[in-house]
Every structure is written in C-alpha cells, then in structure tokens.
Amino acid sequence: PTPGPAPAVDDTLQLYFLCAHPSLTPASAVALTLRAVGGL
C-alpha cells in the first residue's frame, strides 16, 4: 500500500456492505462476508 488518496470506490466494498445485511447478526454477517467475498 502507498500513502495518498484512495482510488474511486469499486464494487468490492459495496459487496462488503451488502453481505452485512440487516437481517443478519453482526457475527453471521462477518462470517458470510469473509467466506463469500474475502475468500477465506
């Protein structure tokens, strides 16, 4: 990573927010996002 302004927002960050859906508990949302988007 290098210092400086961030590039334009891409779809990846939006996917993080979508996986953190209000119908899920925070713990379940984190687990789902890590599995589906984070690749863990």
PDB file of all heavy atoms in Angstrom:
ATOM      1  N   PRO A   1       0.833  -1.200   0.000  1.00  0.00           N
ATOM      2  CA  PRO A   1       0.000   0.000   0.000  1.00  0.00           C
ATOM      3  C   PRO A   1       0.869   1.252   0.000  1.00  0.00           C
ATOM      4  O   PRO A   1       1.952   1.259   0.587  1.00  0.00           O
ATOM      5  CB  PRO A   1      -0.777  -0.113   1.309  1.00  0.00           C
ATOM      6  CG  PRO A   1       0.125  -0.903   2.202  1.00  0.00           C
ATOM      7  CD  PRO A   1       0.834  -1.879   1.290  1.00  0.00           C
ATOM      8  N   THR A   2       0.428   2.304  -0.642  1.00  0.00           N
ATOM      9  CA  THR A   2       1.183   3.545  -0.664  1.00  0.00           C
ATOM     10  C   THR A   2       0.318   4.675  -0.127  1.00  0.00           C
ATOM     11  O   THR A   2      -0.906   4.664  -0.280  1.00  0.00           O
ATOM     12  CB  THR A   2       1.608   3.891  -2.104  1.00  0.00           C
ATOM     13  OG1 THR A   2       0.442   3.921  -2.947  1.00  0.00           O
ATOM     14  CG2 THR A   2       2.570   2.846  -2.653  1.00  0.00           C
ATOM     15  N   PRO A   3       0.954   5.668   0.530  1.00  0.00           N
ATOM     16  CA  PRO A   3       0.181   6.795   1.031  1.00  0.00           C
ATOM     17  C   PRO A   3      -0.475   7.551  -0.106  1.00  0.00           C
ATOM     18  O   PRO A   3      -0.015   7.522  -1.251  1.00  0.00           O
ATOM     19  CB  PRO A   3       1.238   7.652   1.732  1.00  0.00           C
ATOM     20  CG  PRO A   3       2.384   6.730   1.988  1.00  0.00           C
ATOM     21  CD  PRO A   3       2.376   5.742   0.859  1.00  0.00           C
ATOM     22  N   GLY A   4      -1.548   8.257   0.228  1.00  0.00           N
ATOM     23  CA  GLY A   4      -2.189   9.084  -0.774  1.00  0.00           C
ATOM     24  C   GLY A   4      -3.672   8.846  -0.824  1.00  0.00           C
ATOM     25  O   GLY A   4      -4.215   7.996  -0.123  1.00  0.00           O
ATOM     26  N   PRO A   5      -4.371   9.618  -1.655  1.00  0.00           N
ATOM     27  CA  PRO A   5      -5.820   9.500  -1.742  1.00  0.00           C
ATOM     28  C   PRO A   5      -6.246   8.146  -2.289  1.00  0.00           C
ATOM     29  O   PRO A   5      -5.530   7.509  -3.043  1.00  0.00           O
ATOM     30  CB  PRO A   5      -6.209  10.635  -2.710  1.00  0.00           C
ATOM     31  CG  PRO A   5      -4.962  10.877  -3.508  1.00  0.00           C
ATOM     32  CD  PRO A   5      -3.816  10.625  -2.576  1.00  0.00           C
ATOM     33  N   ALA A   6      -7.425   7.714  -1.880  1.00  0.00           N
ATOM     34  CA  ALA A   6      -7.951   6.427  -2.341  1.00  0.00           C
ATOM     35  C   ALA A   6      -8.460   6.540  -3.767  1.00  0.00           C
ATOM     36  O   ALA A   6      -8.922   7.593  -4.192  1.00  0.00           O
ATOM     37  CB  ALA A   6      -9.089   5.986  -1.427  1.00  0.00           C
ATOM     38  N   PRO A   7      -8.382   5.458  -4.541  1.00  0.00           N
ATOM     39  CA  PRO A   7      -8.987   5.466  -5.863  1.00  0.00           C
ATOM     40  C   PRO A   7     -10.502   5.457  -5.752  1.00  0.00           C
ATOM     41  O   PRO A   7     -11.068   5.331  -4.669  1.00  0.00           O
ATOM     42  CB  PRO A   7      -8.478   4.146  -6.478  1.00  0.00           C
ATOM     43  CG  PRO A   7      -8.205   3.272  -5.305  1.00  0.00           C
ATOM     44  CD  PRO A   7      -7.750   4.180  -4.216  1.00  0.00           C
ATOM     45  N   ALA A   8     -11.158   5.565  -6.882  1.00  0.00           N
ATOM     46  CA  ALA A   8     -12.617   5.567  -6.890  1.00  0.00           C
ATOM     47  C   ALA A   8     -13.144   4.272  -6.292  1.00  0.00           C
ATOM     48  O   ALA A   8     -12.544   3.222  -6.425  1.00  0.00           O
ATOM     49  CB  ALA A   8     -13.128   5.726  -8.322  1.00  0.00           C
ATOM     50  N   VAL A   9     -14.289   4.369  -5.592  1.00  0.00           N
ATOM     51  CA  VAL A   9     -14.891   3.199  -4.959  1.00  0.00           C
ATOM     52  C   VAL A   9     -15.273   2.178  -6.011  1.00  0.00           C
ATOM     53  O   VAL A   9     -15.825   2.513  -7.053  1.00  0.00           O
ATOM     54  CB  VAL A   9     -16.144   3.631  -4.162  1.00  0.00           C
ATOM     55  CG1 VAL A   9     -16.837   2.425  -3.561  1.00  0.00           C
ATOM     56  CG2 VAL A   9     -15.746   4.606  -3.058  1.00  0.00           C
ATOM     57  N   ASP A  10     -14.941   0.891  -5.744  1.00  0.00           N
ATOM     58  CA  ASP A  10     -15.300  -0.143  -6.702  1.00  0.00           C
ATOM     59  C   ASP A  10     -16.362  -1.056  -6.096  1.00  0.00           C
ATOM     60  O   ASP A  10     -16.837  -0.837  -4.986  1.00  0.00           O
ATOM     61  CB  ASP A  10     -14.059  -0.922  -7.148  1.00  0.00           C
ATOM     62  CG  ASP A  10     -13.391  -1.680  -5.992  1.00  0.00           C
ATOM     63  OD1 ASP A  10     -14.031  -1.850  -4.936  1.00  0.00           O
ATOM     64  OD2 ASP A  10     -12.236  -2.090  -6.165  1.00  0.00           O
ATOM     65  N   ASP A  11     -16.727  -2.093  -6.839  1.00  0.00           N
ATOM     66  CA  ASP A  11     -17.809  -2.971  -6.413  1.00  0.00           C
ATOM     67  C   ASP A  11     -17.459  -3.811  -5.200  1.00  0.00           C
ATOM     68  O   ASP A  11     -18.352  -4.280  -4.494  1.00  0.00           O
ATOM     69  CB  ASP A  11     -18.212  -3.897  -7.568  1.00  0.00           C
ATOM     70  CG  ASP A  11     -18.904  -3.146  -8.689  1.00  0.00           C
ATOM     71  OD1 ASP A  11     -19.371  -2.023  -8.426  1.00  0.00           O
ATOM     72  OD2 ASP A  11     -18.961  -3.675  -9.806  1.00  0.00           O
ATOM     73  N   THR A  12     -16.172  -4.036  -4.938  1.00  0.00           N
ATOM     74  CA  THR A  12     -15.792  -4.916  -3.839  1.00  0.00           C
ATOM     75  C   THR A  12     -16.282  -4.371  -2.501  1.00  0.00           C
ATOM     76  O   THR A  12     -16.862  -5.095  -1.691  1.00  0.00           O
ATOM     77  CB  THR A  12     -14.262  -5.095  -3.785  1.00  0.00           C
ATOM     78  OG1 THR A  12     -13.799  -5.547  -5.051  1.00  0.00           O
ATOM     79  CG2 THR A  12     -13.881  -6.104  -2.716  1.00  0.00           C
ATOM     80  N   LEU A  13     -16.066  -3.094  -2.250  1.00  0.00           N
ATOM     81  CA  LEU A  13     -16.509  -2.506  -0.989  1.00  0.00           C
ATOM     82  C   LEU A  13     -18.026  -2.549  -0.872  1.00  0.00           C
ATOM     83  O   LEU A  13     -18.574  -2.801   0.206  1.00  0.00           O
ATOM     84  CB  LEU A  13     -16.006  -1.066  -0.882  1.00  0.00           C
ATOM     85  CG  LEU A  13     -16.183  -0.384   0.473  1.00  0.00           C
ATOM     86  CD1 LEU A  13     -15.513  -1.189   1.573  1.00  0.00           C
ATOM     87  CD2 LEU A  13     -15.622   1.026   0.440  1.00  0.00           C
ATOM     88  N   GLN A  14     -18.718  -2.348  -1.985  1.00  0.00           N
ATOM     89  CA  GLN A  14     -20.181  -2.435  -1.968  1.00  0.00           C
ATOM     90  C   GLN A  14     -20.635  -3.848  -1.598  1.00  0.00           C
ATOM     91  O   GLN A  14     -21.611  -4.031  -0.857  1.00  0.00           O
ATOM     92  CB  GLN A  14     -20.747  -2.039  -3.344  1.00  0.00           C
ATOM     93  CG  GLN A  14     -22.282  -2.041  -3.422  1.00  0.00           C
ATOM     94  CD  GLN A  14     -22.917  -1.011  -2.506  1.00  0.00           C
ATOM     95  OE1 GLN A  14     -22.245  -0.092  -2.033  1.00  0.00           O
ATOM     96  NE2 GLN A  14     -24.202  -1.160  -2.226  1.00  0.00           N
ATOM     97  N   LEU A  15     -19.919  -4.847  -2.081  1.00  0.00           N
ATOM     98  CA  LEU A  15     -20.256  -6.227  -1.729  1.00  0.00           C
ATOM     99  C   LEU A  15     -20.083  -6.469  -0.231  1.00  0.00           C
ATOM    100  O   LEU A  15     -20.872  -7.196   0.378  1.00  0.00           O
ATOM    101  CB  LEU A  15     -19.379  -7.208  -2.520  1.00  0.00           C
ATOM    102  CG  LEU A  15     -19.714  -7.384  -4.001  1.00  0.00           C
ATOM    103  CD1 LEU A  15     -18.652  -8.244  -4.671  1.00  0.00           C
ATOM    104  CD2 LEU A  15     -21.087  -8.026  -4.166  1.00  0.00           C
ATOM    105  N   TYR A  16     -19.073  -5.861   0.363  1.00  0.00           N
ATOM    106  CA  TYR A  16     -18.890  -5.990   1.807  1.00  0.00           C
ATOM    107  C   TYR A  16     -20.124  -5.465   2.546  1.00  0.00           C
ATOM    108  O   TYR A  16     -20.606  -6.077   3.505  1.00  0.00           O
ATOM    109  CB  TYR A  16     -17.654  -5.211   2.254  1.00  0.00           C
ATOM    110  CG  TYR A  16     -16.358  -5.978   2.182  1.00  0.00           C
ATOM    111  CD1 TYR A  16     -15.856  -6.435   0.964  1.00  0.00           C
ATOM    112  CD2 TYR A  16     -15.630  -6.243   3.317  1.00  0.00           C
ATOM    113  CE1 TYR A  16     -14.669  -7.126   0.895  1.00  0.00           C
ATOM    114  CE2 TYR A  16     -14.430  -6.944   3.260  1.00  0.00           C
ATOM    115  CZ  TYR A  16     -13.956  -7.377   2.034  1.00  0.00           C
ATOM    116  OH  TYR A  16     -12.776  -8.078   1.963  1.00  0.00           O
ATOM    117  N   PHE A  17     -20.631  -4.322   2.107  1.00  0.00           N
ATOM    118  CA  PHE A  17     -21.803  -3.745   2.762  1.00  0.00           C
ATOM    119  C   PHE A  17     -23.049  -4.594   2.528  1.00  0.00           C
ATOM    120  O   PHE A  17     -23.884  -4.753   3.418  1.00  0.00           O
ATOM    121  CB  PHE A  17     -22.037  -2.316   2.256  1.00  0.00           C
ATOM    122  CG  PHE A  17     -21.268  -1.284   3.021  1.00  0.00           C
ATOM    123  CD1 PHE A  17     -20.053  -0.837   2.566  1.00  0.00           C
ATOM    124  CD2 PHE A  17     -21.762  -0.772   4.210  1.00  0.00           C
ATOM    125  CE1 PHE A  17     -19.323   0.108   3.283  1.00  0.00           C
ATOM    126  CE2 PHE A  17     -21.056   0.173   4.937  1.00  0.00           C
ATOM    127  CZ  PHE A  17     -19.824   0.612   4.470  1.00  0.00           C
ATOM    128  N   LEU A  18     -23.187  -5.144   1.343  1.00  0.00           N
ATOM    129  CA  LEU A  18     -24.365  -5.952   1.053  1.00  0.00           C
ATOM    130  C   LEU A  18     -24.369  -7.248   1.862  1.00  0.00           C
ATOM    131  O   LEU A  18     -25.427  -7.710   2.312  1.00  0.00           O
ATOM    132  CB  LEU A  18     -24.441  -6.259  -0.446  1.00  0.00           C
ATOM    133  CG  LEU A  18     -24.733  -5.060  -1.355  1.00  0.00           C
ATOM    134  CD1 LEU A  18     -24.703  -5.478  -2.813  1.00  0.00           C
ATOM    135  CD2 LEU A  18     -26.083  -4.441  -1.022  1.00  0.00           C
ATOM    136  N   CYS A  19     -23.188  -7.844   2.053  1.00  0.00           N
ATOM    137  CA  CYS A  19     -23.126  -9.063   2.856  1.00  0.00           C
ATOM    138  C   CYS A  19     -23.402  -8.774   4.329  1.00  0.00           C
ATOM    139  O   CYS A  19     -23.798  -9.680   5.068  1.00  0.00           O
ATOM    140  CB  CYS A  19     -21.764  -9.739   2.707  1.00  0.00           C
ATOM    141  SG  CYS A  19     -21.569 -10.631   1.144  1.00  0.00           S
ATOM    142  N   ALA A  20     -23.195  -7.540   4.750  1.00  0.00           N
ATOM    143  CA  ALA A  20     -23.514  -7.158   6.131  1.00  0.00           C
ATOM    144  C   ALA A  20     -24.982  -6.741   6.205  1.00  0.00           C
ATOM    145  O   ALA A  20     -25.333  -5.676   6.701  1.00  0.00           O
ATOM    146  CB  ALA A  20     -22.598  -6.022   6.577  1.00  0.00           C
ATOM    147  N   HIS A  21     -25.874  -7.595   5.717  1.00  0.00           N
ATOM    148  CA  HIS A  21     -27.291  -7.284   5.589  1.00  0.00           C
ATOM    149  C   HIS A  21     -27.948  -7.148   6.960  1.00  0.00           C
ATOM    150  O   HIS A  21     -27.611  -7.891   7.891  1.00  0.00           O
ATOM    151  CB  HIS A  21     -27.990  -8.390   4.783  1.00  0.00           C
ATOM    152  CG  HIS A  21     -29.337  -8.000   4.277  1.00  0.00           C
ATOM    153  ND1 HIS A  21     -30.484  -8.182   5.011  1.00  0.00           N
ATOM    154  CD2 HIS A  21     -29.725  -7.437   3.111  1.00  0.00           C
ATOM    155  CE1 HIS A  21     -31.519  -7.750   4.325  1.00  0.00           C
ATOM    156  NE2 HIS A  21     -31.084  -7.282   3.168  1.00  0.00           N
ATOM    157  N   PRO A  22     -28.900  -6.208   7.127  1.00  0.00           N
ATOM    158  CA  PRO A  22     -29.560  -6.018   8.429  1.00  0.00           C
ATOM    159  C   PRO A  22     -30.290  -7.247   8.952  1.00  0.00           C
ATOM    160  O   PRO A  22     -30.530  -7.350  10.157  1.00  0.00           O
ATOM    161  CB  PRO A  22     -30.557  -4.879   8.145  1.00  0.00           C
ATOM    162  CG  PRO A  22     -29.993  -4.156   6.974  1.00  0.00           C
ATOM    163  CD  PRO A  22     -29.326  -5.195   6.133  1.00  0.00           C
ATOM    164  N   SER A  23     -30.632  -8.184   8.071  1.00  0.00           N
ATOM    165  CA  SER A  23     -31.333  -9.385   8.538  1.00  0.00           C
ATOM    166  C   SER A  23     -30.398 -10.368   9.243  1.00  0.00           C
ATOM    167  O   SER A  23     -30.848 -11.339   9.848  1.00  0.00           O
ATOM    168  CB  SER A  23     -32.004 -10.093   7.356  1.00  0.00           C
ATOM    169  OG  SER A  23     -31.043 -10.547   6.421  1.00  0.00           O
ATOM    170  N   LEU A  24     -29.081 -10.112   9.170  1.00  0.00           N
ATOM    171  CA  LEU A  24     -28.092 -10.987   9.795  1.00  0.00           C
ATOM    172  C   LEU A  24     -27.574 -10.371  11.093  1.00  0.00           C
ATOM    173  O   LEU A  24     -27.494  -9.149  11.223  1.00  0.00           O
ATOM    174  CB  LEU A  24     -26.904 -11.211   8.857  1.00  0.00           C
ATOM    175  CG  LEU A  24     -27.175 -11.938   7.538  1.00  0.00           C
ATOM    176  CD1 LEU A  24     -25.937 -11.886   6.665  1.00  0.00           C
ATOM    177  CD2 LEU A  24     -27.590 -13.373   7.790  1.00  0.00           C
ATOM    178  N   THR A  25     -27.204 -11.230  12.032  1.00  0.00           N
ATOM    179  CA  THR A  25     -26.483 -10.738  13.200  1.00  0.00           C
ATOM    180  C   THR A  25     -25.094 -10.300  12.748  1.00  0.00           C
ATOM    181  O   THR A  25     -24.592 -10.780  11.732  1.00  0.00           O
ATOM    182  CB  THR A  25     -26.342 -11.838  14.263  1.00  0.00           C
ATOM    183  OG1 THR A  25     -25.520 -12.892  13.724  1.00  0.00           O
ATOM    184  CG2 THR A  25     -27.692 -12.391  14.675  1.00  0.00           C
ATOM    185  N   PRO A  26     -24.456  -9.386  13.486  1.00  0.00           N
ATOM    186  CA  PRO A  26     -23.108  -8.961  13.085  1.00  0.00           C
ATOM    187  C   PRO A  26     -22.138 -10.128  12.927  1.00  0.00           C
ATOM    188  O   PRO A  26     -21.351 -10.165  11.986  1.00  0.00           O
ATOM    189  CB  PRO A  26     -22.693  -8.027  14.233  1.00  0.00           C
ATOM    190  CG  PRO A  26     -23.986  -7.476  14.746  1.00  0.00           C
ATOM    191  CD  PRO A  26     -24.967  -8.597  14.620  1.00  0.00           C
ATOM    192  N   ALA A  27     -22.187 -11.102  13.850  1.00  0.00           N
ATOM    193  CA  ALA A  27     -21.262 -12.233  13.763  1.00  0.00           C
ATOM    194  C   ALA A  27     -21.492 -13.044  12.495  1.00  0.00           C
ATOM    195  O   ALA A  27     -20.547 -13.456  11.812  1.00  0.00           O
ATOM    196  CB  ALA A  27     -21.420 -13.133  14.995  1.00  0.00           C
ATOM    197  N   SER A  28     -22.760 -13.277  12.135  1.00  0.00           N
ATOM    198  CA  SER A  28     -23.067 -14.043  10.925  1.00  0.00           C
ATOM    199  C   SER A  28     -22.690 -13.259   9.674  1.00  0.00           C
ATOM    200  O   SER A  28     -22.209 -13.827   8.691  1.00  0.00           O
ATOM    201  CB  SER A  28     -24.558 -14.398  10.892  1.00  0.00           C
ATOM    202  OG  SER A  28     -24.883 -15.275  11.942  1.00  0.00           O
ATOM    203  N   ALA A  29     -22.909 -11.947   9.707  1.00  0.00           N
ATOM    204  CA  ALA A  29     -22.569 -11.118   8.553  1.00  0.00           C
ATOM    205  C   ALA A  29     -21.073 -11.120   8.293  1.00  0.00           C
ATOM    206  O   ALA A  29     -20.626 -11.216   7.146  1.00  0.00           O
ATOM    207  CB  ALA A  29     -23.064  -9.686   8.782  1.00  0.00           C
ATOM    208  N   VAL A  30     -20.294 -11.026   9.346  1.00  0.00           N
ATOM    209  CA  VAL A  30     -18.833 -11.060   9.194  1.00  0.00           C
ATOM    210  C   VAL A  30     -18.398 -12.397   8.608  1.00  0.00           C
ATOM    211  O   VAL A  30     -17.598 -12.459   7.661  1.00  0.00           O
ATOM    212  CB  VAL A  30     -18.144 -10.818  10.550  1.00  0.00           C
ATOM    213  CG1 VAL A  30     -16.652 -11.094  10.440  1.00  0.00           C
ATOM    214  CG2 VAL A  30     -18.359  -9.388  11.007  1.00  0.00           C
ATOM    215  N   ALA A  31     -18.919 -13.482   9.154  1.00  0.00           N
ATOM    216  CA  ALA A  31     -18.532 -14.817   8.673  1.00  0.00           C
ATOM    217  C   ALA A  31     -18.895 -14.999   7.208  1.00  0.00           C
ATOM    218  O   ALA A  31     -18.102 -15.504   6.408  1.00  0.00           O
ATOM    219  CB  ALA A  31     -19.215 -15.889   9.523  1.00  0.00           C
ATOM    220  N   LEU A  32     -20.099 -14.578   6.822  1.00  0.00           N
ATOM    221  CA  LEU A  32     -20.537 -14.729   5.436  1.00  0.00           C
ATOM    222  C   LEU A  32     -19.669 -13.905   4.491  1.00  0.00           C
ATOM    223  O   LEU A  32     -19.279 -14.374   3.411  1.00  0.00           O
ATOM    224  CB  LEU A  32     -22.003 -14.309   5.305  1.00  0.00           C
ATOM    225  CG  LEU A  32     -22.588 -14.360   3.888  1.00  0.00           C
ATOM    226  CD1 LEU A  32     -22.574 -15.779   3.341  1.00  0.00           C
ATOM    227  CD2 LEU A  32     -24.011 -13.797   3.874  1.00  0.00           C
ATOM    228  N   THR A  33     -19.358 -12.687   4.878  1.00  0.00           N
ATOM    229  CA  THR A  33     -18.555 -11.818   4.017  1.00  0.00           C
ATOM    230  C   THR A  33     -17.146 -12.357   3.836  1.00  0.00           C
ATOM    231  O   THR A  33     -16.601 -12.354   2.730  1.00  0.00           O
ATOM    232  CB  THR A  33     -18.493 -10.397   4.600  1.00  0.00           C
ATOM    233  OG1 THR A  33     -19.798  -9.973   4.950  1.00  0.00           O
ATOM    234  CG2 THR A  33     -17.914  -9.427   3.581  1.00  0.00           C
ATOM    235  N   LEU A  34     -16.559 -12.828   4.923  1.00  0.00           N
ATOM    236  CA  LEU A  34     -15.216 -13.394   4.824  1.00  0.00           C
ATOM    237  C   LEU A  34     -15.190 -14.597   3.892  1.00  0.00           C
ATOM    238  O   LEU A  34     -14.239 -14.799   3.140  1.00  0.00           O
ATOM    239  CB  LEU A  34     -14.721 -13.806   6.207  1.00  0.00           C
ATOM    240  CG  LEU A  34     -14.379 -12.663   7.165  1.00  0.00           C
ATOM    241  CD1 LEU A  34     -14.111 -13.199   8.565  1.00  0.00           C
ATOM    242  CD2 LEU A  34     -13.190 -11.868   6.672  1.00  0.00           C
ATOM    243  N   ARG A  35     -16.253 -15.389   3.933  1.00  0.00           N
ATOM    244  CA  ARG A  35     -16.306 -16.602   3.106  1.00  0.00           C
ATOM    245  C   ARG A  35     -16.633 -16.264   1.652  1.00  0.00           C
ATOM    246  O   ARG A  35     -15.990 -16.752   0.717  1.00  0.00           O
ATOM    247  CB  ARG A  35     -17.369 -17.567   3.669  1.00  0.00           C
ATOM    248  CG  ARG A  35     -17.379 -18.925   2.988  1.00  0.00           C
ATOM    249  CD  ARG A  35     -16.166 -19.745   3.393  1.00  0.00           C
ATOM    250  NE  ARG A  35     -16.126 -21.025   2.717  1.00  0.00           N
ATOM    251  CZ  ARG A  35     -15.541 -21.241   1.556  1.00  0.00           C
ATOM    252  NH1 ARG A  35     -14.930 -20.246   0.934  1.00  0.00           N
ATOM    253  NH2 ARG A  35     -15.542 -22.443   1.012  1.00  0.00           N
ATOM    254  N   ALA A  36     -17.640 -15.405   1.440  1.00  0.00           N
ATOM    255  CA  ALA A  36     -18.141 -15.168   0.090  1.00  0.00           C
ATOM    256  C   ALA A  36     -17.330 -14.129  -0.676  1.00  0.00           C
ATOM    257  O   ALA A  36     -17.164 -14.242  -1.893  1.00  0.00           O
ATOM    258  CB  ALA A  36     -19.607 -14.718   0.156  1.00  0.00           C
ATOM    259  N   VAL A  37     -16.819 -13.112   0.020  1.00  0.00           N
ATOM    260  CA  VAL A  37     -16.112 -12.015  -0.656  1.00  0.00           C
ATOM    261  C   VAL A  37     -14.623 -12.025  -0.326  1.00  0.00           C
ATOM    262  O   VAL A  37     -13.780 -11.819  -1.183  1.00  0.00           O
ATOM    263  CB  VAL A  37     -16.726 -10.651  -0.274  1.00  0.00           C
ATOM    264  CG1 VAL A  37     -16.082  -9.538  -1.103  1.00  0.00           C
ATOM    265  CG2 VAL A  37     -18.226 -10.654  -0.476  1.00  0.00           C
ATOM    266  N   GLY A  38     -14.295 -12.288   0.936  1.00  0.00           N
ATOM    267  CA  GLY A  38     -12.898 -12.239   1.353  1.00  0.00           C
ATOM    268  C   GLY A  38     -12.077 -13.413   0.883  1.00  0.00           C
ATOM    269  O   GLY A  38     -10.858 -13.343   0.867  1.00  0.00           O
ATOM    270  N   GLY A  39     -12.738 -14.526   0.525  1.00  0.00           N
ATOM    271  CA  GLY A  39     -12.019 -15.681   0.026  1.00  0.00           C
ATOM    272  C   GLY A  39     -11.359 -16.526   1.098  1.00  0.00           C
ATOM    273  O   GLY A  39     -10.583 -17.424   0.787  1.00  0.00           O
ATOM    274  N   LEU A  40     -11.660 -16.278   2.388  1.00  0.00           N
ATOM    275  CA  LEU A  40     -11.079 -17.083   3.453  1.00  0.00           C
ATOM    276  C   LEU A  40     -11.811 -18.414   3.557  1.00  0.00           C
ATOM    277  O   LEU A  40     -12.992 -18.520   3.225  1.00  0.00           O
ATOM    278  CB  LEU A  40     -11.164 -16.356   4.795  1.00  0.00           C
ATOM    279  CG  LEU A  40     -10.020 -15.376   5.120  1.00  0.00           C
ATOM    280  CD1 LEU A  40      -9.999 -14.217   4.147  1.00  0.00           C
ATOM    281  CD2 LEU A  40     -10.151 -14.863   6.547  1.00  0.00           C
TER     282      LEU A  40
END
